[in-house]
Amino acid sequence: MKTLPDQSQSSLLALPPEIRNCIFELAFSDTIIILDEETRALALLCSCRQIRSEAYDVFYSTVIFEANTLGSAFDFIVNLSPQPCASISELR
């Protein structure tokens, strides 16, 4: 059975939440995700559950989402739960 690494030793998680949020905002700033193309989730969101939970709202409120068609924008919005949908700051 594979054991998961101990997240309590993470230097990032040792920082105060306010500083982690600043780091998340910097990591996601100037990021444009084109919805019509296959896009992988950013590595930071995939690093561990705690970081994903903390960075989730910052991700949706900071990243610019861009759709080339009305259909792809619609599909994106209807497949989101209400919380991230409400956090989106820009959808082109």
N, C-alpha and C. Protein backbone atom coordinates (compact mmCIF):
# COMPACT_ATOMS: atom_id res chain seq x y z
N MET A 1 0.84 -1.18 0.00
CA MET A 1 0.00 0.00 0.00
C MET A 1 0.88 1.25 0.00
N LYS A 2 0.58 2.16 -0.88
CA LYS A 2 1.36 3.39 -1.01
C LYS A 2 0.96 4.37 0.09
N THR A 3 1.96 4.95 0.76
CA THR A 3 1.68 5.93 1.80
C THR A 3 1.84 7.33 1.23
N LEU A 4 1.03 8.23 1.70
CA LEU A 4 1.09 9.61 1.25
C LEU A 4 2.14 10.38 2.05
N PRO A 5 2.80 11.33 1.40
CA PRO A 5 3.79 12.14 2.13
C PRO A 5 3.14 12.94 3.26
N ASP A 6 3.90 13.23 4.26
CA ASP A 6 3.42 14.00 5.41
C ASP A 6 3.40 15.47 5.04
N GLN A 7 2.20 16.04 4.88
CA GLN A 7 2.05 17.43 4.48
C GLN A 7 2.42 18.41 5.58
N SER A 8 2.51 17.92 6.83
CA SER A 8 2.82 18.81 7.93
C SER A 8 4.26 19.33 7.85
N GLN A 9 5.08 18.71 7.02
CA GLN A 9 6.47 19.15 6.86
C GLN A 9 6.63 20.16 5.73
N SER A 10 5.54 20.51 5.07
CA SER A 10 5.58 21.44 3.94
C SER A 10 5.94 22.85 4.40
N SER A 11 6.92 23.44 3.74
CA SER A 11 7.31 24.83 4.05
C SER A 11 6.18 25.80 3.72
N LEU A 12 5.46 25.52 2.63
CA LEU A 12 4.35 26.39 2.24
C LEU A 12 3.25 26.35 3.28
N LEU A 13 2.90 25.17 3.76
CA LEU A 13 1.82 25.05 4.74
C LEU A 13 2.22 25.56 6.12
N ALA A 14 3.51 25.76 6.34
CA ALA A 14 3.97 26.30 7.62
C ALA A 14 3.78 27.82 7.68
N LEU A 15 3.58 28.45 6.53
CA LEU A 15 3.36 29.90 6.48
C LEU A 15 1.96 30.25 6.97
N PRO A 16 1.77 31.46 7.47
CA PRO A 16 0.43 31.90 7.85
C PRO A 16 -0.50 31.93 6.63
N PRO A 17 -1.80 31.68 6.84
CA PRO A 17 -2.75 31.65 5.72
C PRO A 17 -2.75 32.92 4.87
N GLU A 18 -2.55 34.08 5.49
CA GLU A 18 -2.55 35.34 4.74
C GLU A 18 -1.41 35.36 3.72
N ILE A 19 -0.26 34.86 4.11
CA ILE A 19 0.89 34.83 3.20
C ILE A 19 0.66 33.79 2.11
N ARG A 20 0.09 32.64 2.47
CA ARG A 20 -0.22 31.61 1.45
C ARG A 20 -1.18 32.19 0.42
N ASN A 21 -2.19 32.95 0.85
CA ASN A 21 -3.13 33.55 -0.11
C ASN A 21 -2.42 34.52 -1.05
N CYS A 22 -1.48 35.28 -0.54
CA CYS A 22 -0.69 36.17 -1.41
C CYS A 22 0.10 35.36 -2.43
N ILE A 23 0.68 34.27 -2.00
CA ILE A 23 1.43 33.40 -2.91
C ILE A 23 0.51 32.83 -3.98
N PHE A 24 -0.69 32.39 -3.58
CA PHE A 24 -1.65 31.85 -4.55
C PHE A 24 -2.03 32.91 -5.57
N GLU A 25 -2.28 34.13 -5.10
CA GLU A 25 -2.64 35.21 -6.02
C GLU A 25 -1.52 35.49 -7.02
N LEU A 26 -0.29 35.50 -6.55
CA LEU A 26 0.85 35.71 -7.44
C LEU A 26 1.02 34.55 -8.42
N ALA A 27 0.79 33.35 -7.94
CA ALA A 27 0.94 32.17 -8.80
C ALA A 27 -0.09 32.16 -9.92
N PHE A 28 -1.29 32.65 -9.66
CA PHE A 28 -2.37 32.61 -10.65
C PHE A 28 -2.50 33.90 -11.46
N SER A 29 -1.83 34.97 -11.06
CA SER A 29 -1.98 36.23 -11.78
C SER A 29 -1.45 36.09 -13.20
N ASP A 30 -2.06 36.83 -14.10
CA ASP A 30 -1.69 36.82 -15.52
C ASP A 30 -1.87 35.46 -16.17
N THR A 31 -2.72 34.61 -15.60
CA THR A 31 -3.01 33.30 -16.18
C THR A 31 -4.31 33.38 -16.96
N ILE A 32 -4.24 32.96 -18.21
CA ILE A 32 -5.43 32.89 -19.05
C ILE A 32 -5.64 31.42 -19.42
N ILE A 33 -6.82 30.91 -19.14
CA ILE A 33 -7.16 29.55 -19.50
C ILE A 33 -8.15 29.61 -20.64
N ILE A 34 -7.78 29.01 -21.76
CA ILE A 34 -8.65 28.99 -22.93
C ILE A 34 -9.52 27.74 -22.83
N LEU A 35 -10.81 27.95 -22.69
CA LEU A 35 -11.74 26.86 -22.41
C LEU A 35 -11.92 25.90 -23.57
N ASP A 36 -11.67 26.34 -24.80
CA ASP A 36 -11.88 25.49 -25.96
C ASP A 36 -10.74 24.49 -26.17
N GLU A 37 -9.68 24.66 -25.45
CA GLU A 37 -8.53 23.77 -25.57
C GLU A 37 -8.45 22.89 -24.33
N GLU A 38 -7.81 21.74 -24.49
CA GLU A 38 -7.61 20.90 -23.31
C GLU A 38 -6.65 21.60 -22.38
N THR A 39 -7.09 21.81 -21.17
CA THR A 39 -6.27 22.52 -20.20
C THR A 39 -6.09 21.65 -18.97
N ARG A 40 -4.87 21.49 -18.56
CA ARG A 40 -4.60 20.75 -17.33
C ARG A 40 -4.73 21.70 -16.15
N ALA A 41 -5.19 21.15 -15.05
CA ALA A 41 -5.25 21.95 -13.82
C ALA A 41 -3.84 22.38 -13.45
N LEU A 42 -3.72 23.54 -12.88
CA LEU A 42 -2.40 24.01 -12.48
C LEU A 42 -1.82 23.10 -11.41
N ALA A 43 -0.53 22.90 -11.48
CA ALA A 43 0.14 21.97 -10.57
C ALA A 43 -0.07 22.34 -9.10
N LEU A 44 -0.14 23.61 -8.82
CA LEU A 44 -0.33 24.04 -7.43
C LEU A 44 -1.64 23.48 -6.85
N LEU A 45 -2.70 23.48 -7.64
CA LEU A 45 -3.98 22.96 -7.16
C LEU A 45 -3.96 21.45 -6.97
N CYS A 46 -3.03 20.79 -7.63
CA CYS A 46 -2.94 19.33 -7.54
C CYS A 46 -1.94 18.85 -6.50
N SER A 47 -1.30 19.77 -5.81
CA SER A 47 -0.21 19.37 -4.91
C SER A 47 -0.70 18.66 -3.65
N CYS A 48 -1.78 19.12 -3.05
CA CYS A 48 -2.36 18.43 -1.90
C CYS A 48 -3.75 18.99 -1.62
N ARG A 49 -4.52 18.26 -0.84
CA ARG A 49 -5.90 18.66 -0.57
C ARG A 49 -6.00 20.00 0.15
N GLN A 50 -5.14 20.24 1.10
CA GLN A 50 -5.22 21.49 1.86
C GLN A 50 -4.95 22.68 0.96
N ILE A 51 -3.93 22.59 0.13
CA ILE A 51 -3.63 23.72 -0.78
C ILE A 51 -4.76 23.89 -1.78
N ARG A 52 -5.29 22.80 -2.31
CA ARG A 52 -6.41 22.91 -3.25
C ARG A 52 -7.59 23.61 -2.57
N SER A 53 -7.89 23.22 -1.37
CA SER A 53 -9.00 23.83 -0.63
C SER A 53 -8.77 25.31 -0.40
N GLU A 54 -7.57 25.68 -0.03
CA GLU A 54 -7.26 27.09 0.27
C GLU A 54 -7.15 27.93 -0.99
N ALA A 55 -6.62 27.36 -2.07
CA ALA A 55 -6.34 28.14 -3.28
C ALA A 55 -7.50 28.15 -4.27
N TYR A 56 -8.50 27.33 -4.05
CA TYR A 56 -9.61 27.17 -4.98
C TYR A 56 -10.29 28.49 -5.33
N ASP A 57 -10.73 29.24 -4.33
CA ASP A 57 -11.41 30.51 -4.58
C ASP A 57 -10.47 31.53 -5.20
N VAL A 58 -9.23 31.55 -4.74
CA VAL A 58 -8.25 32.49 -5.30
C VAL A 58 -8.03 32.18 -6.78
N PHE A 59 -7.95 30.89 -7.12
CA PHE A 59 -7.77 30.48 -8.51
C PHE A 59 -8.90 31.03 -9.38
N TYR A 60 -10.16 30.77 -9.00
CA TYR A 60 -11.28 31.20 -9.83
C TYR A 60 -11.44 32.71 -9.87
N SER A 61 -11.04 33.41 -8.83
CA SER A 61 -11.19 34.86 -8.83
C SER A 61 -10.02 35.58 -9.50
N THR A 62 -8.91 34.89 -9.72
CA THR A 62 -7.71 35.52 -10.28
C THR A 62 -7.50 35.19 -11.75
N VAL A 63 -7.74 33.93 -12.13
CA VAL A 63 -7.50 33.48 -13.50
C VAL A 63 -8.51 34.10 -14.45
N ILE A 64 -8.07 34.39 -15.67
CA ILE A 64 -8.97 34.87 -16.72
C ILE A 64 -9.35 33.66 -17.57
N PHE A 65 -10.64 33.42 -17.70
CA PHE A 65 -11.13 32.33 -18.52
C PHE A 65 -11.56 32.90 -19.86
N GLU A 66 -11.14 32.25 -20.93
CA GLU A 66 -11.43 32.75 -22.27
C GLU A 66 -12.06 31.64 -23.10
N ALA A 67 -13.17 31.95 -23.74
CA ALA A 67 -13.86 30.99 -24.59
C ALA A 67 -13.92 31.52 -26.01
N ASN A 68 -13.67 30.65 -26.96
CA ASN A 68 -13.74 31.05 -28.36
C ASN A 68 -15.16 30.95 -28.91
N THR A 69 -16.01 30.21 -28.20
CA THR A 69 -17.40 30.07 -28.64
C THR A 69 -18.33 30.27 -27.45
N LEU A 70 -19.54 30.67 -27.75
CA LEU A 70 -20.55 30.82 -26.70
C LEU A 70 -20.86 29.47 -26.07
N GLY A 71 -20.84 28.42 -26.88
CA GLY A 71 -21.12 27.07 -26.39
C GLY A 71 -20.11 26.61 -25.35
N SER A 72 -18.82 26.88 -25.58
CA SER A 72 -17.81 26.45 -24.61
C SER A 72 -17.92 27.25 -23.32
N ALA A 73 -18.29 28.52 -23.41
CA ALA A 73 -18.50 29.33 -22.20
C ALA A 73 -19.69 28.80 -21.42
N PHE A 74 -20.76 28.47 -22.13
CA PHE A 74 -21.96 27.94 -21.49
C PHE A 74 -21.65 26.60 -20.81
N ASP A 75 -20.97 25.70 -21.53
CA ASP A 75 -20.62 24.39 -20.95
C ASP A 75 -19.77 24.55 -19.70
N PHE A 76 -18.84 25.48 -19.73
CA PHE A 76 -17.97 25.73 -18.58
C PHE A 76 -18.79 26.18 -17.37
N ILE A 77 -19.66 27.13 -17.58
CA ILE A 77 -20.45 27.69 -16.48
C ILE A 77 -21.43 26.67 -15.90
N VAL A 78 -22.13 25.94 -16.75
CA VAL A 78 -23.15 25.01 -16.24
C VAL A 78 -22.53 23.81 -15.53
N ASN A 79 -21.27 23.51 -15.79
CA ASN A 79 -20.61 22.39 -15.13
C ASN A 79 -19.91 22.77 -13.83
N LEU A 80 -19.94 24.04 -13.47
CA LEU A 80 -19.34 24.48 -12.22
C LEU A 80 -20.37 24.48 -11.10
N SER A 81 -19.91 24.22 -9.91
CA SER A 81 -20.80 24.36 -8.76
C SER A 81 -20.94 25.86 -8.46
N PRO A 82 -21.93 26.24 -7.66
CA PRO A 82 -22.18 27.67 -7.42
C PRO A 82 -21.00 28.44 -6.82
N GLN A 83 -20.22 27.82 -5.92
CA GLN A 83 -19.14 28.55 -5.27
C GLN A 83 -18.07 29.04 -6.25
N PRO A 84 -17.48 28.15 -7.09
CA PRO A 84 -16.49 28.70 -8.04
C PRO A 84 -17.12 29.62 -9.08
N CYS A 85 -18.34 29.34 -9.45
CA CYS A 85 -19.02 30.18 -10.44
C CYS A 85 -19.15 31.61 -9.92
N ALA A 86 -19.47 31.74 -8.65
CA ALA A 86 -19.60 33.07 -8.04
C ALA A 86 -18.26 33.76 -7.87
N SER A 87 -17.18 32.99 -7.85
CA SER A 87 -15.84 33.57 -7.64
C SER A 87 -15.21 34.09 -8.91
N ILE A 88 -15.69 33.66 -10.07
CA ILE A 88 -15.07 34.04 -11.34
C ILE A 88 -15.13 35.55 -11.51
N SER A 89 -13.98 36.14 -11.77
CA SER A 89 -13.95 37.60 -11.94
C SER A 89 -13.95 38.00 -13.43
N GLU A 90 -13.46 37.10 -14.30
CA GLU A 90 -13.42 37.48 -15.72
C GLU A 90 -13.58 36.26 -16.60
N LEU A 91 -14.57 36.35 -17.48
CA LEU A 91 -14.82 35.33 -18.51
C LEU A 91 -14.99 36.07 -19.81
N ARG A 92 -14.09 35.82 -20.72
CA ARG A 92 -14.13 36.51 -22.04
C ARG A 92 -14.76 35.61 -23.08
